Amino acid sequence: MKLTKAHATNYRNIIDSNEVKIEQSTCLVGKNEAGKSAFLKALEGLRSTDEKFKQYGKIENYPRRHLADYDELHPDGDATVMVTEWELEADDVAAVEKVLGSGALAGKTIEVSKTYEANGTTWALPISEETAFQNLVKMHGLDADEAAAISTAKTTQRAAERATVSQ
């Protein structure tokens, strides 16, 4: 995978870095205390080489001037710190298709993000649910009764609903 974009928000002195396009050579330029190192630390937090690092830690890293209003500013959960966009290479596409079958990926760009207090990252892949579902049905060799119960379903969610109703 190749990193193509990064966007930091709500981290140390960064409220919103705006999207930074990552190319062959990318240079961060700014005055002292402008957020260059904070941006790189936020990016590192997606997959830190430090085994002790698990979470960004909102008490230590959320912008101090807004910490008292954290719950009000983020009523739906933790604030997002870093959102990145990655371009999949041929080996990456092959790895996904090994699990979901040929044609299951609807694009070659994925998003990886992380929020405060999260131990892991969130990955968003463009998946053709109908193609992936058909591939999974073929891969798992359903018998006639099982296949009939979900024959008109186009997604795994609809298949689960229909399988539950038919039981």
Protein backbone atom coordinates (compact mmCIF):
# COMPACT_ATOMS: atom_id res chain seq x y z
CA MET A 1 0.00 0.00 0.00
CA LYS A 2 1.10 3.52 -0.71
CA LEU A 3 0.10 6.46 1.49
CA THR A 4 -1.47 9.19 -0.67
CA LYS A 5 -3.25 11.55 1.78
CA ALA A 6 -3.27 12.33 5.50
CA HIS A 7 -5.53 14.59 7.57
CA ALA A 8 -4.98 15.30 11.28
CA THR A 9 -7.62 16.86 13.53
CA ASN A 10 -7.94 17.56 17.26
CA TYR A 11 -4.37 16.62 18.15
CA ARG A 12 -2.09 18.72 20.35
CA ASN A 13 -1.96 22.16 18.69
CA ILE A 14 -3.67 20.96 15.49
CA ILE A 15 -7.40 21.67 15.27
CA ASP A 16 -7.54 20.80 11.55
CA SER A 17 -4.45 20.27 9.39
CA ASN A 18 -6.52 20.11 6.22
CA GLU A 19 -5.78 17.23 3.88
CA VAL A 20 -2.09 16.79 3.09
CA LYS A 21 -1.35 15.14 -0.23
CA ILE A 22 1.57 12.71 0.09
CA GLU A 23 3.71 12.32 -3.01
CA GLN A 24 7.17 11.00 -3.84
CA SER A 25 8.62 13.89 -1.81
CA THR A 26 6.50 15.72 0.73
CA CYS A 27 7.84 18.57 2.83
CA LEU A 28 6.17 20.02 5.92
CA VAL A 29 7.05 23.70 6.28
CA GLY A 30 6.04 26.08 9.03
CA LYS A 31 7.09 28.22 11.96
CA ASN A 32 8.09 26.77 15.32
CA GLU A 33 5.06 25.36 17.18
CA ALA A 34 3.04 25.30 13.94
CA GLY A 35 2.24 21.59 14.27
CA LYS A 36 4.73 19.84 11.98
CA SER A 37 5.94 17.39 14.62
CA ALA A 38 2.40 16.96 16.00
CA PHE A 39 1.20 16.02 12.50
CA LEU A 40 3.94 13.39 12.20
CA LYS A 41 3.20 12.03 15.71
CA ALA A 42 -0.50 11.77 14.84
CA LEU A 43 0.41 9.91 11.65
CA GLU A 44 2.75 7.60 13.55
CA GLY A 45 -0.08 6.77 15.95
CA LEU A 46 -1.90 4.80 13.26
CA ARG A 47 0.68 2.06 13.64
CA SER A 48 3.38 3.02 16.07
CA THR A 49 6.67 1.18 16.29
CA ASP A 50 6.54 1.81 20.06
CA GLU A 51 5.03 -1.35 21.58
CA LYS A 52 3.76 0.67 24.56
CA PHE A 53 1.70 2.99 22.34
CA LYS A 54 -1.91 1.83 22.09
CA GLN A 55 -4.03 5.01 22.20
CA TYR A 56 -3.55 8.69 21.46
CA GLY A 57 -4.77 9.61 24.97
CA LYS A 58 -7.15 12.55 24.94
CA ILE A 59 -6.02 13.90 28.34
CA GLU A 60 -2.44 14.25 27.08
CA ASN A 61 -3.01 15.12 23.42
CA TYR A 62 -6.42 16.66 22.80
CA PRO A 63 -6.09 20.45 22.29
CA ARG A 64 -6.07 21.84 25.85
CA ARG A 65 -8.27 24.84 25.14
CA HIS A 66 -11.12 22.53 24.07
CA LEU A 67 -10.65 19.62 26.50
CA ALA A 68 -13.38 20.82 28.90
CA ASP A 69 -15.86 20.80 25.97
CA TYR A 70 -14.78 17.39 24.58
CA ASP A 71 -18.07 15.56 25.24
CA GLU A 72 -20.11 18.45 23.87
CA LEU A 73 -17.93 18.73 20.75
CA HIS A 74 -17.99 14.96 20.10
CA PRO A 75 -21.40 13.68 21.30
CA ASP A 76 -21.26 10.62 19.02
CA GLY A 77 -18.01 9.25 20.47
CA ASP A 78 -14.31 9.86 20.39
CA ALA A 79 -12.75 12.54 18.21
CA THR A 80 -10.93 11.41 15.10
CA VAL A 81 -7.22 12.16 15.18
CA MET A 82 -5.95 10.89 11.83
CA VAL A 83 -7.59 9.90 8.55
CA THR A 84 -5.37 8.56 5.80
CA GLU A 85 -5.92 7.40 2.25
CA TRP A 86 -3.90 4.54 0.80
CA GLU A 87 -3.59 3.22 -2.73
CA LEU A 88 -3.66 -0.56 -2.95
CA GLU A 89 -0.98 -2.29 -4.98
CA ALA A 90 -1.45 -5.53 -6.93
CA ASP A 91 -0.37 -7.72 -3.98
CA ASP A 92 -2.87 -5.97 -1.69
CA VAL A 93 -5.73 -6.46 -4.15
CA ALA A 94 -4.77 -10.15 -4.49
CA ALA A 95 -4.83 -10.58 -0.68
CA VAL A 96 -8.36 -9.14 -0.43
CA GLU A 97 -9.59 -11.18 -3.39
CA LYS A 98 -8.16 -14.32 -1.81
CA VAL A 99 -10.63 -13.81 1.05
CA LEU A 100 -13.61 -12.19 -0.73
CA GLY A 101 -13.17 -13.47 -4.28
CA SER A 102 -12.46 -11.85 -7.62
CA GLY A 103 -14.11 -8.51 -8.29
CA ALA A 104 -15.13 -7.94 -4.66
CA LEU A 105 -13.07 -4.73 -4.44
CA ALA A 106 -14.90 -1.81 -6.05
CA GLY A 107 -11.81 0.43 -6.05
CA LYS A 108 -8.13 0.53 -5.21
CA THR A 109 -8.18 3.29 -2.59
CA ILE A 110 -8.87 2.62 1.10
CA GLU A 111 -9.21 4.81 4.17
CA VAL A 112 -7.49 4.06 7.48
CA SER A 113 -8.38 6.18 10.52
CA LYS A 114 -7.99 6.26 14.28
CA THR A 115 -9.78 8.04 17.11
CA TYR A 116 -8.88 8.90 20.67
CA GLU A 117 -8.99 6.01 23.15
CA ALA A 118 -9.11 3.46 20.30
CA ASN A 119 -6.52 0.68 20.47
CA GLY A 120 -6.82 -0.11 16.78
CA THR A 121 -7.53 1.54 13.47
CA THR A 122 -10.67 1.57 11.34
CA TRP A 123 -10.31 0.44 7.75
CA ALA A 124 -12.83 1.34 5.05
CA LEU A 125 -12.55 -0.66 1.84
CA PRO A 126 -14.72 -0.09 -1.24
CA ILE A 127 -16.45 -3.46 -1.48
CA SER A 128 -19.03 -4.61 -4.01
CA GLU A 129 -21.31 -6.37 -1.51
CA GLU A 130 -23.22 -8.27 -4.17
CA THR A 131 -20.06 -9.63 -5.83
CA ALA A 132 -18.46 -10.47 -2.47
CA PHE A 133 -21.66 -12.23 -1.34
CA GLN A 134 -21.89 -14.31 -4.54
CA ASN A 135 -18.22 -15.25 -4.21
CA LEU A 136 -18.69 -16.31 -0.57
CA VAL A 137 -21.70 -18.48 -1.47
CA LYS A 138 -19.61 -20.22 -4.17
CA MET A 139 -16.58 -20.62 -1.89
CA HIS A 140 -18.55 -22.26 0.91
CA GLY A 141 -20.46 -24.72 -1.28
CA LEU A 142 -23.93 -24.38 0.22
CA ASP A 143 -26.29 -27.31 -0.15
CA ALA A 144 -29.61 -26.86 -2.03
CA ASP A 145 -31.66 -25.98 1.07
CA GLU A 146 -29.14 -23.43 2.32
CA ALA A 147 -28.80 -21.86 -1.12
CA ALA A 148 -32.58 -21.68 -1.57
CA ALA A 149 -33.03 -19.82 1.71
CA ILE A 150 -30.80 -16.97 0.55
CA SER A 151 -31.17 -17.25 -3.23
CA THR A 152 -32.58 -13.73 -3.72
CA ALA A 153 -30.31 -12.01 -1.21
CA LYS A 154 -27.61 -9.73 -2.60
CA THR A 155 -25.76 -8.90 0.63
CA THR A 156 -24.67 -10.86 3.69
CA GLN A 157 -27.03 -8.80 5.87
CA ARG A 158 -30.06 -9.73 3.72
CA ALA A 159 -28.93 -13.36 3.66
CA ALA A 160 -28.74 -13.40 7.47
CA GLU A 161 -32.20 -11.89 7.71
CA ARG A 162 -33.67 -14.43 5.30
CA ALA A 163 -31.88 -17.36 6.95
CA THR A 164 -33.26 -16.29 10.35
CA VAL A 165 -36.82 -16.01 8.97
CA SER A 166 -36.66 -19.44 7.31
CA GLN A 167 -35.53 -21.24 10.48
